[in-house]
N, C-alpha and C. Protein backbone atom coordinates (compact mmCIF):
# COMPACT_ATOMS: atom_id res chain seq x y z
N MET A 1 0.78 -1.29 -0.16
CA MET A 1 -0.05 -0.45 0.19
C MET A 1 0.67 1.31 -0.17
N PRO A 2 1.53 1.45 -1.00
CA PRO A 2 2.56 2.59 -1.04
C PRO A 2 1.64 4.34 -1.37
N GLU A 3 0.68 3.79 -1.77
CA GLU A 3 -0.09 5.37 -1.51
C GLU A 3 -0.08 5.62 -0.09
N LEU A 4 -0.54 4.98 0.45
CA LEU A 4 -0.81 5.50 2.43
C LEU A 4 0.56 6.12 2.70
N THR A 5 1.67 5.98 2.06
CA THR A 5 3.09 6.26 2.44
C THR A 5 3.52 7.84 2.21
N ARG A 6 2.30 8.40 1.03
CA ARG A 6 2.91 9.34 0.84
C ARG A 6 1.55 10.32 0.90
N THR A 7 0.96 10.51 2.00
CA THR A 7 0.14 11.69 2.80
C THR A 7 0.86 13.01 3.43
N GLU A 8 2.09 13.37 3.33
CA GLU A 8 3.19 14.26 4.19
C GLU A 8 2.44 15.30 4.26
N ASP A 9 1.82 15.70 2.91
CA ASP A 9 1.00 17.28 2.57
C ASP A 9 0.09 17.18 3.67
N PHE A 10 -0.76 16.12 3.68
CA PHE A 10 -1.96 16.03 4.18
C PHE A 10 -1.73 15.79 6.06
N PRO A 11 -1.94 16.69 6.64
CA PRO A 11 -1.74 16.03 8.21
C PRO A 11 -3.01 15.31 8.60
N PHE A 12 -4.30 15.44 8.56
CA PHE A 12 -5.31 14.78 8.86
C PHE A 12 -5.19 13.37 7.85
N GLU A 13 -4.93 13.26 6.67
CA GLU A 13 -5.13 12.01 5.98
C GLU A 13 -3.61 11.09 6.55
N SER A 14 -2.60 11.85 7.24
CA SER A 14 -1.61 10.98 7.34
C SER A 14 -2.42 10.48 8.83
N ILE A 15 -2.63 10.79 9.54
CA ILE A 15 -3.19 10.69 10.84
C ILE A 15 -4.36 9.40 10.56
N VAL A 16 -5.20 9.56 9.70
CA VAL A 16 -5.95 8.32 9.36
C VAL A 16 -5.33 7.10 9.07
N ALA A 17 -4.29 7.49 8.26
CA ALA A 17 -3.58 6.48 7.51
C ALA A 17 -2.72 5.57 8.12
N SER A 18 -2.12 6.21 9.26
CA SER A 18 -1.45 6.26 10.84
C SER A 18 -2.79 4.53 11.44
N ASN A 19 -3.69 5.41 11.54
CA ASN A 19 -4.57 4.65 12.57
C ASN A 19 -4.88 3.69 11.97
N GLY A 20 -5.39 3.63 10.76
CA GLY A 20 -6.14 2.54 10.15
C GLY A 20 -4.80 1.19 9.99
N LYS A 21 -3.80 1.52 9.80
CA LYS A 21 -2.96 0.67 9.60
C LYS A 21 -2.58 -0.09 11.30
N SER A 22 -2.51 0.90 12.33
CA SER A 22 -2.59 0.09 13.21
C SER A 22 -3.79 -0.57 13.81
N LEU A 23 -4.74 -0.42 13.23
CA LEU A 23 -5.65 -0.70 13.67
C LEU A 23 -5.85 -2.16 13.19
N LEU A 24 -5.59 -2.18 11.44
CA LEU A 24 -5.21 -3.56 10.73
C LEU A 24 -4.92 -4.56 11.30
N ALA A 25 -3.02 -4.10 11.67
CA ALA A 25 -2.19 -4.49 12.17
C ALA A 25 -3.05 -5.47 13.68
N GLY A 26 -3.77 -4.97 14.25
CA GLY A 26 -4.02 -5.30 15.53
C GLY A 26 -5.40 -6.38 15.67
N MET A 27 -6.02 -6.19 14.17
CA MET A 27 -7.14 -7.10 14.13
C MET A 27 -6.16 -8.35 13.79
N MET A 28 -4.98 -8.10 12.60
CA MET A 28 -4.58 -9.35 11.73
C MET A 28 -4.03 -10.30 13.60
N ALA A 29 -3.32 -9.32 14.35
CA ALA A 29 -2.77 -10.18 15.43
C ALA A 29 -3.92 -10.62 16.21
N ALA A 30 -5.03 -10.26 16.25
CA ALA A 30 -5.92 -11.10 16.87
C ALA A 30 -6.65 -12.15 16.25
N CYS A 31 -6.91 -12.07 14.65
CA CYS A 31 -6.76 -13.05 14.04
C CYS A 31 -5.99 -14.12 14.80
N LEU A 32 -4.64 -13.61 14.17
CA LEU A 32 -4.05 -14.65 14.36
C LEU A 32 -3.53 -15.30 15.62
N VAL A 33 -3.98 -15.25 16.97
CA VAL A 33 -4.27 -15.78 18.10
C VAL A 33 -5.32 -16.58 18.07
N GLY A 34 -6.56 -16.33 17.36
CA GLY A 34 -7.40 -16.97 17.69
C GLY A 34 -7.33 -18.57 16.62
N PHE A 35 -6.69 -17.94 15.34
CA PHE A 35 -6.22 -18.92 14.82
C PHE A 35 -5.48 -19.88 15.26
N ASP A 36 -4.61 -19.49 15.68
CA ASP A 36 -3.76 -20.35 16.79
C ASP A 36 -3.89 -21.19 18.14
N GLU A 37 -4.89 -20.88 18.68
CA GLU A 37 -5.44 -21.54 19.83
C GLU A 37 -6.61 -22.69 19.18
N SER A 38 -7.43 -22.23 18.02
CA SER A 38 -8.01 -23.23 17.08
C SER A 38 -7.32 -24.54 16.46
N LEU A 39 -5.84 -23.90 16.01
CA LEU A 39 -5.14 -25.46 15.45
C LEU A 39 -4.13 -26.10 16.93
N ARG A 40 -3.84 -25.17 18.03
CA ARG A 40 -3.58 -26.07 19.15
C ARG A 40 -4.58 -26.94 20.02
N GLY A 41 -5.88 -26.36 19.51
CA GLY A 41 -6.97 -27.10 20.22
C GLY A 41 -7.37 -28.26 19.38
N SER A 42 -7.56 -28.39 18.22
CA SER A 42 -7.30 -29.52 17.68
C SER A 42 -6.65 -30.43 16.79
N MET A 43 -5.47 -30.63 17.62
CA MET A 43 -4.13 -31.30 17.48
C MET A 43 -4.64 -32.64 18.22
N PRO A 44 -4.08 -33.72 17.26
CA PRO A 44 -4.58 -35.36 17.46
C PRO A 44 -3.03 -35.03 19.28
N ARG A 45 -4.20 -36.16 19.62
CA ARG A 45 -3.60 -36.92 21.29
C ARG A 45 -2.31 -37.29 20.70
N GLY A 46 -1.13 -36.59 21.81
CA GLY A 46 0.01 -37.37 21.87
C GLY A 46 1.00 -36.45 20.77
N TRP A 47 0.67 -35.11 20.06
CA TRP A 47 1.22 -34.37 19.26
C TRP A 47 1.45 -33.24 19.85
N SER A 48 2.67 -32.74 19.50
CA SER A 48 2.98 -31.22 20.21
C SER A 48 3.70 -30.16 18.93
N ALA A 49 3.41 -28.76 19.13
CA ALA A 49 4.01 -28.25 18.32
C ALA A 49 5.21 -27.80 18.73
N HIS A 50 6.08 -27.79 17.65
CA HIS A 50 7.19 -27.88 17.18
C HIS A 50 7.88 -26.15 17.19
N HIS A 51 9.54 -26.09 17.99
CA HIS A 51 9.66 -24.68 17.77
C HIS A 51 8.33 -23.30 18.46
N ARG A 52 7.99 -24.22 19.77
CA ARG A 52 6.95 -23.19 20.15
C ARG A 52 7.63 -21.68 20.56
N ALA A 53 7.21 -20.86 20.80
CA ALA A 53 7.43 -19.74 21.70
C ALA A 53 7.04 -19.51 22.63
N ARG A 54 7.73 -19.48 24.34
CA ARG A 54 7.51 -19.22 25.25
C ARG A 54 6.34 -18.02 25.48
N ARG A 55 5.18 -18.42 26.45
CA ARG A 55 4.23 -17.12 26.32
C ARG A 55 3.99 -17.03 27.51
């Protein structure tokens, strides 16, 4: 989305673009957490995730 980085001449639009990108990043993070939980919940008995990060 290179067009969102060209808003230096428009302060309001720059703020909106920045906040919009932050909102989208937060939504994506929440979706990934939910997807991760669903994958862990449907894992067959005896299996485990490899290279898992500490929480």
